[in-house]
PDB file of N, CA and C in Angstrom:
ATOM      1  N   MET A   1     -18.956  31.310 -18.583  1.00  0.00           N
ATOM      2  CA  MET A   1     -19.553  29.834 -18.501  1.00  0.00           C
ATOM      3  C   MET A   1     -20.251  29.663 -16.979  1.00  0.00           C
ATOM      4  N   TYR A   2     -21.067  30.098 -16.925  1.00  0.00           N
ATOM      5  CA  TYR A   2     -22.565  29.848 -15.930  1.00  0.00           C
ATOM      6  C   TYR A   2     -24.433  29.245 -15.768  1.00  0.00           C
ATOM      7  N   ALA A   3     -23.848  28.960 -14.982  1.00  0.00           N
ATOM      8  CA  ALA A   3     -25.140  28.276 -15.219  1.00  0.00           C
ATOM      9  C   ALA A   3     -26.583  28.935 -14.709  1.00  0.00           C
ATOM     10  N   ILE A   4     -27.329  28.522 -16.237  1.00  0.00           N
ATOM     11  CA  ILE A   4     -28.736  29.253 -15.721  1.00  0.00           C
ATOM     12  C   ILE A   4     -29.875  28.552 -15.771  1.00  0.00           C
ATOM     13  N   ALA A   5     -31.163  29.524 -14.643  1.00  0.00           N
ATOM     14  CA  ALA A   5     -32.111  29.182 -14.658  1.00  0.00           C
ATOM     15  C   ALA A   5     -33.503  28.868 -15.688  1.00  0.00           C
ATOM     16  N   LEU A   6     -33.815  27.786 -15.362  1.00  0.00           N
ATOM     17  CA  LEU A   6     -35.062  27.964 -16.134  1.00  0.00           C
ATOM     18  C   LEU A   6     -35.431  28.723 -16.755  1.00  0.00           C
ATOM     19  N   ARG A   7     -35.719  29.877 -16.737  1.00  0.00           N
ATOM     20  CA  ARG A   7     -36.013  31.152 -17.163  1.00  0.00           C
ATOM     21  C   ARG A   7     -35.091  32.174 -17.615  1.00  0.00           C
ATOM     22  N   GLY A   8     -33.772  31.644 -18.048  1.00  0.00           N
ATOM     23  CA  GLY A   8     -32.949  32.169 -18.603  1.00  0.00           C
ATOM     24  C   GLY A   8     -31.892  32.820 -17.253  1.00  0.00           C
ATOM     25  N   ARG A   9     -32.541  33.240 -16.135  1.00  0.00           N
ATOM     26  CA  ARG A   9     -31.406  34.322 -15.206  1.00  0.00           C
ATOM     27  C   ARG A   9     -30.335  33.129 -14.756  1.00  0.00           C
ATOM     28  N   THR A  10     -29.403  34.344 -14.303  1.00  0.00           N
ATOM     29  CA  THR A  10     -28.285  33.665 -14.135  1.00  0.00           C
ATOM     30  C   THR A  10     -28.392  32.731 -12.963  1.00  0.00           C
ATOM     31  N   VAL A  11     -27.948  31.959 -12.231  1.00  0.00           N
ATOM     32  CA  VAL A  11     -27.967  31.583 -10.899  1.00  0.00           C
ATOM     33  C   VAL A  11     -27.237  32.023 -10.039  1.00  0.00           C
ATOM     34  N   LEU A  12     -25.914  31.772 -10.482  1.00  0.00           N
ATOM     35  CA  LEU A  12     -24.566  32.229  -9.995  1.00  0.00           C
ATOM     36  C   LEU A  12     -24.000  33.597 -10.636  1.00  0.00           C
ATOM     37  N   LYS A  13     -23.082  34.482  -9.740  1.00  0.00           N
ATOM     38  CA  LYS A  13     -22.040  34.830 -10.933  1.00  0.00           C
ATOM     39  C   LYS A  13     -20.787  34.565 -11.654  1.00  0.00           C
ATOM     40  N   PRO A  14     -20.941  34.932 -12.043  1.00  0.00           N
ATOM     41  CA  PRO A  14     -19.501  34.178 -13.030  1.00  0.00           C
ATOM     42  C   PRO A  14     -18.773  33.917 -12.623  1.00  0.00           C
ATOM     43  N   GLN A  15     -18.251  34.626 -11.443  1.00  0.00           N
ATOM     44  CA  GLN A  15     -16.634  34.079  -9.950  1.00  0.00           C
ATOM     45  C   GLN A  15     -17.227  32.817  -9.484  1.00  0.00           C
ATOM     46  N   ALA A  16     -18.661  32.842  -8.854  1.00  0.00           N
ATOM     47  CA  ALA A  16     -18.962  32.011  -8.173  1.00  0.00           C
ATOM     48  C   ALA A  16     -19.140  31.006  -9.059  1.00  0.00           C
ATOM     49  N   SER A  17     -19.290  30.711 -10.249  1.00  0.00           N
ATOM     50  CA  SER A  17     -19.530  30.073 -11.489  1.00  0.00           C
ATOM     51  C   SER A  17     -17.926  29.193 -11.801  1.00  0.00           C
ATOM     52  N   TYR A  18     -17.298  29.884 -11.932  1.00  0.00           N
ATOM     53  CA  TYR A  18     -16.078  29.534 -12.327  1.00  0.00           C
ATOM     54  C   TYR A  18     -15.644  28.432 -10.652  1.00  0.00           C
ATOM     55  N   LEU A  19     -15.360  29.521  -9.871  1.00  0.00           N
ATOM     56  CA  LEU A  19     -15.179  28.391  -8.348  1.00  0.00           C
ATOM     57  C   LEU A  19     -14.893  27.262  -8.156  1.00  0.00           C
ATOM     58  N   VAL A  20     -16.972  27.382  -8.828  1.00  0.00           N
ATOM     59  CA  VAL A  20     -17.816  25.789  -8.334  1.00  0.00           C
ATOM     60  C   VAL A  20     -16.763  25.116  -9.286  1.00  0.00           C
ATOM     61  N   PHE A  21     -17.216  25.236 -10.706  1.00  0.00           N
ATOM     62  CA  PHE A  21     -16.273  24.716 -11.715  1.00  0.00           C
ATOM     63  C   PHE A  21     -14.607  23.805 -11.455  1.00  0.00           C
ATOM     64  N   THR A  22     -13.621  25.198 -11.361  1.00  0.00           N
ATOM     65  CA  THR A  22     -12.501  25.236 -10.760  1.00  0.00           C
ATOM     66  C   THR A  22     -12.894  24.018  -9.651  1.00  0.00           C
ATOM     67  N   ALA A  23     -13.301  23.873  -8.075  1.00  0.00           N
ATOM     68  CA  ALA A  23     -13.196  22.566  -7.606  1.00  0.00           C
ATOM     69  C   ALA A  23     -13.650  21.366  -7.223  1.00  0.00           C
ATOM     70  N   ALA A  24     -15.069  21.415  -8.606  1.00  0.00           N
ATOM     71  CA  ALA A  24     -15.533  20.771  -9.039  1.00  0.00           C
ATOM     72  C   ALA A  24     -13.958  19.758 -10.274  1.00  0.00           C
ATOM     73  N   GLY A  25     -13.904  20.380 -10.562  1.00  0.00           N
ATOM     74  CA  GLY A  25     -12.671  19.848 -11.434  1.00  0.00           C
ATOM     75  C   GLY A  25     -10.980  19.328 -11.052  1.00  0.00           C
ATOM     76  N   GLY A  26     -11.082  19.960  -9.946  1.00  0.00           N
ATOM     77  CA  GLY A  26     -10.001  19.697  -9.368  1.00  0.00           C
ATOM     78  C   GLY A  26     -10.005  18.939  -8.221  1.00  0.00           C
ATOM     79  N   TYR A  27     -11.578  18.748  -7.474  1.00  0.00           N
ATOM     80  CA  TYR A  27     -11.776  17.542  -6.638  1.00  0.00           C
ATOM     81  C   TYR A  27     -11.780  15.988  -7.687  1.00  0.00           C
ATOM     82  N   ILE A  28     -12.553  16.139  -9.036  1.00  0.00           N
ATOM     83  CA  ILE A  28     -11.917  15.481  -9.848  1.00  0.00           C
ATOM     84  C   ILE A  28     -10.912  14.306 -10.168  1.00  0.00           C
ATOM     85  N   GLY A  29     -10.282  15.207 -10.503  1.00  0.00           N
ATOM     86  CA  GLY A  29      -8.572  15.052 -10.797  1.00  0.00           C
ATOM     87  C   GLY A  29      -8.074  14.724  -9.843  1.00  0.00           C
ATOM     88  N   PHE A  30      -8.083  15.193  -8.579  1.00  0.00           N
ATOM     89  CA  PHE A  30      -7.566  14.738  -7.784  1.00  0.00           C
ATOM     90  C   PHE A  30      -7.818  12.969  -6.925  1.00  0.00           C
ATOM     91  N   LYS A  31      -9.399  12.823  -7.403  1.00  0.00           N
ATOM     92  CA  LYS A  31      -9.921  11.374  -7.527  1.00  0.00           C
ATOM     93  C   LYS A  31      -9.262  10.317  -8.455  1.00  0.00           C
ATOM     94  N   TYR A  32      -9.194  10.907  -9.543  1.00  0.00           N
ATOM     95  CA  TYR A  32      -8.842  10.113 -10.649  1.00  0.00           C
ATOM     96  C   TYR A  32      -7.063   9.950 -10.431  1.00  0.00           C
ATOM     97  N   TYR A  33      -6.287  10.640  -9.877  1.00  0.00           N
ATOM     98  CA  TYR A  33      -5.316  10.157  -9.929  1.00  0.00           C
ATOM     99  C   TYR A  33      -4.871   9.652  -8.685  1.00  0.00           C
ATOM    100  N   GLN A  34      -5.782   9.466  -7.487  1.00  0.00           N
ATOM    101  CA  GLN A  34      -5.602   8.571  -6.493  1.00  0.00           C
ATOM    102  C   GLN A  34      -6.059   7.166  -7.104  1.00  0.00           C
ATOM    103  N   PHE A  35      -6.675   7.449  -7.803  1.00  0.00           N
ATOM    104  CA  PHE A  35      -7.538   6.004  -8.299  1.00  0.00           C
ATOM    105  C   PHE A  35      -6.103   5.544  -9.395  1.00  0.00           C
ATOM    106  N   LYS A  36      -5.272   6.024  -9.909  1.00  0.00           N
ATOM    107  CA  LYS A  36      -4.315   5.695 -10.664  1.00  0.00           C
ATOM    108  C   LYS A  36      -3.254   5.447  -9.866  1.00  0.00           C
ATOM    109  N   GLN A  37      -3.011   5.971  -8.805  1.00  0.00           N
ATOM    110  CA  GLN A  37      -2.177   5.536  -7.423  1.00  0.00           C
ATOM    111  C   GLN A  37      -2.226   4.063  -7.293  1.00  0.00           C
ATOM    112  N   TYR A  38      -3.460   4.230  -6.817  1.00  0.00           N
ATOM    113  CA  TYR A  38      -4.241   3.020  -6.539  1.00  0.00           C
ATOM    114  C   TYR A  38      -4.020   1.793  -7.482  1.00  0.00           C
ATOM    115  N   GLU A  39      -4.532   1.926  -8.519  1.00  0.00           N
ATOM    116  CA  GLU A  39      -4.210   1.186  -9.547  1.00  0.00           C
ATOM    117  C   GLU A  39      -2.767   0.622  -9.887  1.00  0.00           C
ATOM    118  N   GLY A  40      -1.579   0.927  -9.547  1.00  0.00           N
ATOM    119  CA  GLY A  40      -0.905   1.234 -10.447  1.00  0.00           C
ATOM    120  C   GLY A  40       0.137   0.355  -8.458  1.00  0.00           C
ATOM    121  N   GLN A  41      -0.221   0.669  -7.590  1.00  0.00           N
ATOM    122  CA  GLN A  41       0.022  -0.223  -6.611  1.00  0.00           C
ATOM    123  C   GLN A  41      -0.510  -1.998  -6.661  1.00  0.00           C
ATOM    124  N   LEU A  42      -1.464  -2.145  -7.555  1.00  0.00           N
ATOM    125  CA  LEU A  42      -2.094  -3.092  -7.323  1.00  0.00           C
ATOM    126  C   LEU A  42      -1.053  -4.227  -8.515  1.00  0.00           C
ATOM    127  N   ILE A  43      -1.065  -3.323  -9.372  1.00  0.00           N
ATOM    128  CA  ILE A  43      -0.451  -3.939 -10.559  1.00  0.00           C
ATOM    129  C   ILE A  43       0.691  -4.412  -9.931  1.00  0.00           C
ATOM    130  N   GLU A  44       1.673  -3.642  -9.054  1.00  0.00           N
ATOM    131  CA  GLU A  44       3.068  -3.689  -8.385  1.00  0.00           C
ATOM    132  C   GLU A  44       2.927  -5.235  -7.711  1.00  0.00           C
ATOM    133  N   LYS A  45       2.151  -4.712  -7.020  1.00  0.00           N
ATOM    134  CA  LYS A  45       1.917  -6.140  -6.108  1.00  0.00           C
ATOM    135  C   LYS A  45       1.665  -7.450  -7.138  1.00  0.00           C
ATOM    136  N   ARG A  46       0.082  -7.546  -8.174  1.00  0.00           N
ATOM    137  CA  ARG A  46       0.293  -8.616  -9.054  1.00  0.00           C
ATOM    138  C   ARG A  46       1.889  -9.069  -9.503  1.00  0.00           C
ATOM    139  N   ARG A  47       2.429  -8.097 -10.171  1.00  0.00           N
ATOM    140  CA  ARG A  47       3.655  -8.354 -10.603  1.00  0.00           C
ATOM    141  C   ARG A  47       4.571  -9.223  -9.455  1.00  0.00           C
ATOM    142  N   GLU A  48       4.765  -8.547  -8.391  1.00  0.00           N
ATOM    143  CA  GLU A  48       5.763  -8.955  -7.679  1.00  0.00           C
ATOM    144  C   GLU A  48       4.990 -10.568  -6.902  1.00  0.00           C
ATOM    145  N   VAL A  49       3.778 -10.900  -6.975  1.00  0.00           N
ATOM    146  CA  VAL A  49       3.369 -12.297  -6.840  1.00  0.00           C
ATOM    147  C   VAL A  49       4.151 -13.414  -8.334  1.00  0.00           C
ATOM    148  N   LEU A  50       4.143 -12.923  -9.515  1.00  0.00           N
ATOM    149  CA  LEU A  50       3.951 -13.575 -10.326  1.00  0.00           C
ATOM    150  C   LEU A  50       5.644 -13.693 -10.600  1.00  0.00           C
ATOM    151  N   LEU A  51       6.234 -13.171 -10.393  1.00  0.00           N
ATOM    152  CA  LEU A  51       7.761 -12.865  -9.995  1.00  0.00           C
ATOM    153  C   LEU A  51       8.021 -13.993  -9.321  1.00  0.00           C
ATOM    154  N   GLU A  52       7.360 -13.778  -7.836  1.00  0.00           N
ATOM    155  CA  GLU A  52       7.665 -14.774  -6.620  1.00  0.00           C
ATOM    156  C   GLU A  52       7.484 -16.406  -7.585  1.00  0.00           C
ATOM    157  N   LYS A  53       6.549 -16.396  -8.200  1.00  0.00           N
ATOM    158  CA  LYS A  53       5.639 -17.732  -8.855  1.00  0.00           C
ATOM    159  C   LYS A  53       6.546 -18.154 -10.005  1.00  0.00           C
ATOM    160  N   ARG A  54       6.930 -16.997 -10.866  1.00  0.00           N
ATOM    161  CA  ARG A  54       7.773 -18.014 -11.877  1.00  0.00           C
ATOM    162  C   ARG A  54       9.271 -18.268 -11.590  1.00  0.00           C
ATOM    163  N   ALA A  55       9.458 -17.384 -10.384  1.00  0.00           N
ATOM    164  CA  ALA A  55      11.106 -17.720  -9.390  1.00  0.00           C
ATOM    165  C   ALA A  55      10.959 -19.290  -9.029  1.00  0.00           C
ATOM    166  N   GLN A  56       9.533 -19.786  -8.279  1.00  0.00           N
ATOM    167  CA  GLN A  56       9.519 -21.080  -7.441  1.00  0.00           C
ATOM    168  C   GLN A  56       9.704 -21.828  -8.530  1.00  0.00           C
ATOM    169  N   ARG A  57       9.048 -21.542  -9.418  1.00  0.00           N
ATOM    170  CA  ARG A  57       8.562 -23.100 -10.808  1.00  0.00           C
ATOM    171  C   ARG A  57      10.362 -22.637 -11.126  1.00  0.00           C
ATOM    172  N   GLN A  58      10.626 -21.529 -11.958  1.00  0.00           N
ATOM    173  CA  GLN A  58      12.405 -22.466 -12.639  1.00  0.00           C
ATOM    174  C   GLN A  58      13.279 -22.825 -11.159  1.00  0.00           C
ATOM    175  N   ALA A  59      12.942 -22.563 -10.001  1.00  0.00           N
ATOM    176  CA  ALA A  59      13.724 -23.610  -9.406  1.00  0.00           C
ATOM    177  C   ALA A  59      13.687 -24.776  -8.824  1.00  0.00           C
ATOM    178  N   ASP A  60      12.316 -24.809  -9.107  1.00  0.00           N
ATOM    179  CA  ASP A  60      11.902 -26.166  -9.091  1.00  0.00           C
ATOM    180  C   ASP A  60      12.121 -27.452 -10.550  1.00  0.00           C
ATOM    181  N   ALA A  61      11.806 -26.348 -11.602  1.00  0.00           N
ATOM    182  CA  ALA A  61      12.757 -27.776 -12.935  1.00  0.00           C
ATOM    183  C   ALA A  61      13.872 -27.555 -12.550  1.00  0.00           C
ATOM    184  N   ALA A  62      14.982 -26.597 -12.006  1.00  0.00           N
ATOM    185  CA  ALA A  62      15.929 -26.536 -12.056  1.00  0.00           C
ATOM    186  C   ALA A  62      16.582 -28.067 -10.810  1.00  0.00           C
ATOM    187  N   ALA A  63      15.960 -27.971  -9.939  1.00  0.00           N
ATOM    188  CA  ALA A  63      15.950 -29.093  -9.106  1.00  0.00           C
ATOM    189  C   ALA A  63      15.402 -30.012  -9.598  1.00  0.00           C
ATOM    190  N   ALA A  64      14.372 -30.344 -10.491  1.00  0.00           N
ATOM    191  CA  ALA A  64      14.055 -32.167 -11.090  1.00  0.00           C
ATOM    192  C   ALA A  64      14.958 -32.143 -12.010  1.00  0.00           C
ATOM    193  N   ALA A  65      15.346 -30.944 -12.884  1.00  0.00           N
ATOM    194  CA  ALA A  65      16.623 -31.388 -13.823  1.00  0.00           C
ATOM    195  C   ALA A  65      17.893 -31.989 -13.250  1.00  0.00           C
ATOM    196  N   ALA A  66      17.890 -31.411 -12.011  1.00  0.00           N
ATOM    197  CA  ALA A  66      19.536 -32.058 -11.711  1.00  0.00           C
ATOM    198  C   ALA A  66      19.432 -33.374 -10.815  1.00  0.00           C
ATOM    199  N   ALA A  67      18.315 -33.169 -10.079  1.00  0.00           N
ATOM    200  CA  ALA A  67      18.158 -34.892 -10.047  1.00  0.00           C
ATOM    201  C   ALA A  67      17.411 -35.769 -11.116  1.00  0.00           C
ATOM    202  N   ALA A  68      17.508 -36.094 -12.004  1.00  0.00           N
ATOM    203  CA  ALA A  68      17.349 -36.744 -13.467  1.00  0.00           C
ATOM    204  C   ALA A  68      18.624 -36.736 -13.843  1.00  0.00           C
ATOM    205  N   ALA A  69      19.460 -35.603 -13.775  1.00  0.00           N
ATOM    206  CA  ALA A  69      20.891 -35.936 -14.434  1.00  0.00           C
ATOM    207  C   ALA A  69      21.609 -37.013 -13.263  1.00  0.00           C
ATOM    208  N   GLY A  70      20.893 -36.621 -12.078  1.00  0.00           N
ATOM    209  CA  GLY A  70      21.827 -37.356 -10.848  1.00  0.00           C
ATOM    210  C   GLY A  70      21.258 -38.755 -11.121  1.00  0.00           C
ATOM    211  N   GLU A  71      20.151 -39.229 -11.708  1.00  0.00           N
ATOM    212  CA  GLU A  71      20.051 -40.765 -11.691  1.00  0.00           C
ATOM    213  C   GLU A  71      20.403 -41.000 -13.139  1.00  0.00           C
ATOM    214  N   SER A  72      20.589 -40.416 -14.015  1.00  0.00           N
ATOM    215  CA  SER A  72      21.124 -41.373 -15.292  1.00  0.00           C
ATOM    216  C   SER A  72      22.622 -41.920 -14.909  1.00  0.00           C
TER     217      SER A  72
END
């Protein structure tokens, strides 16, 4: 598989074409891997924030329940 000009002549030799396409595919794959790693970090940060908020809500609810039980 190699590039062909409009007149049908090869632009690159097959080995050079293979090298170009392999390098391009490797670069795209590496950038995709980096993006997925970054996306995972964002998800993990959001998860930690949500867990902290949930723990705070549960602590507030427990304190309110204890205060309500103490008043009764």
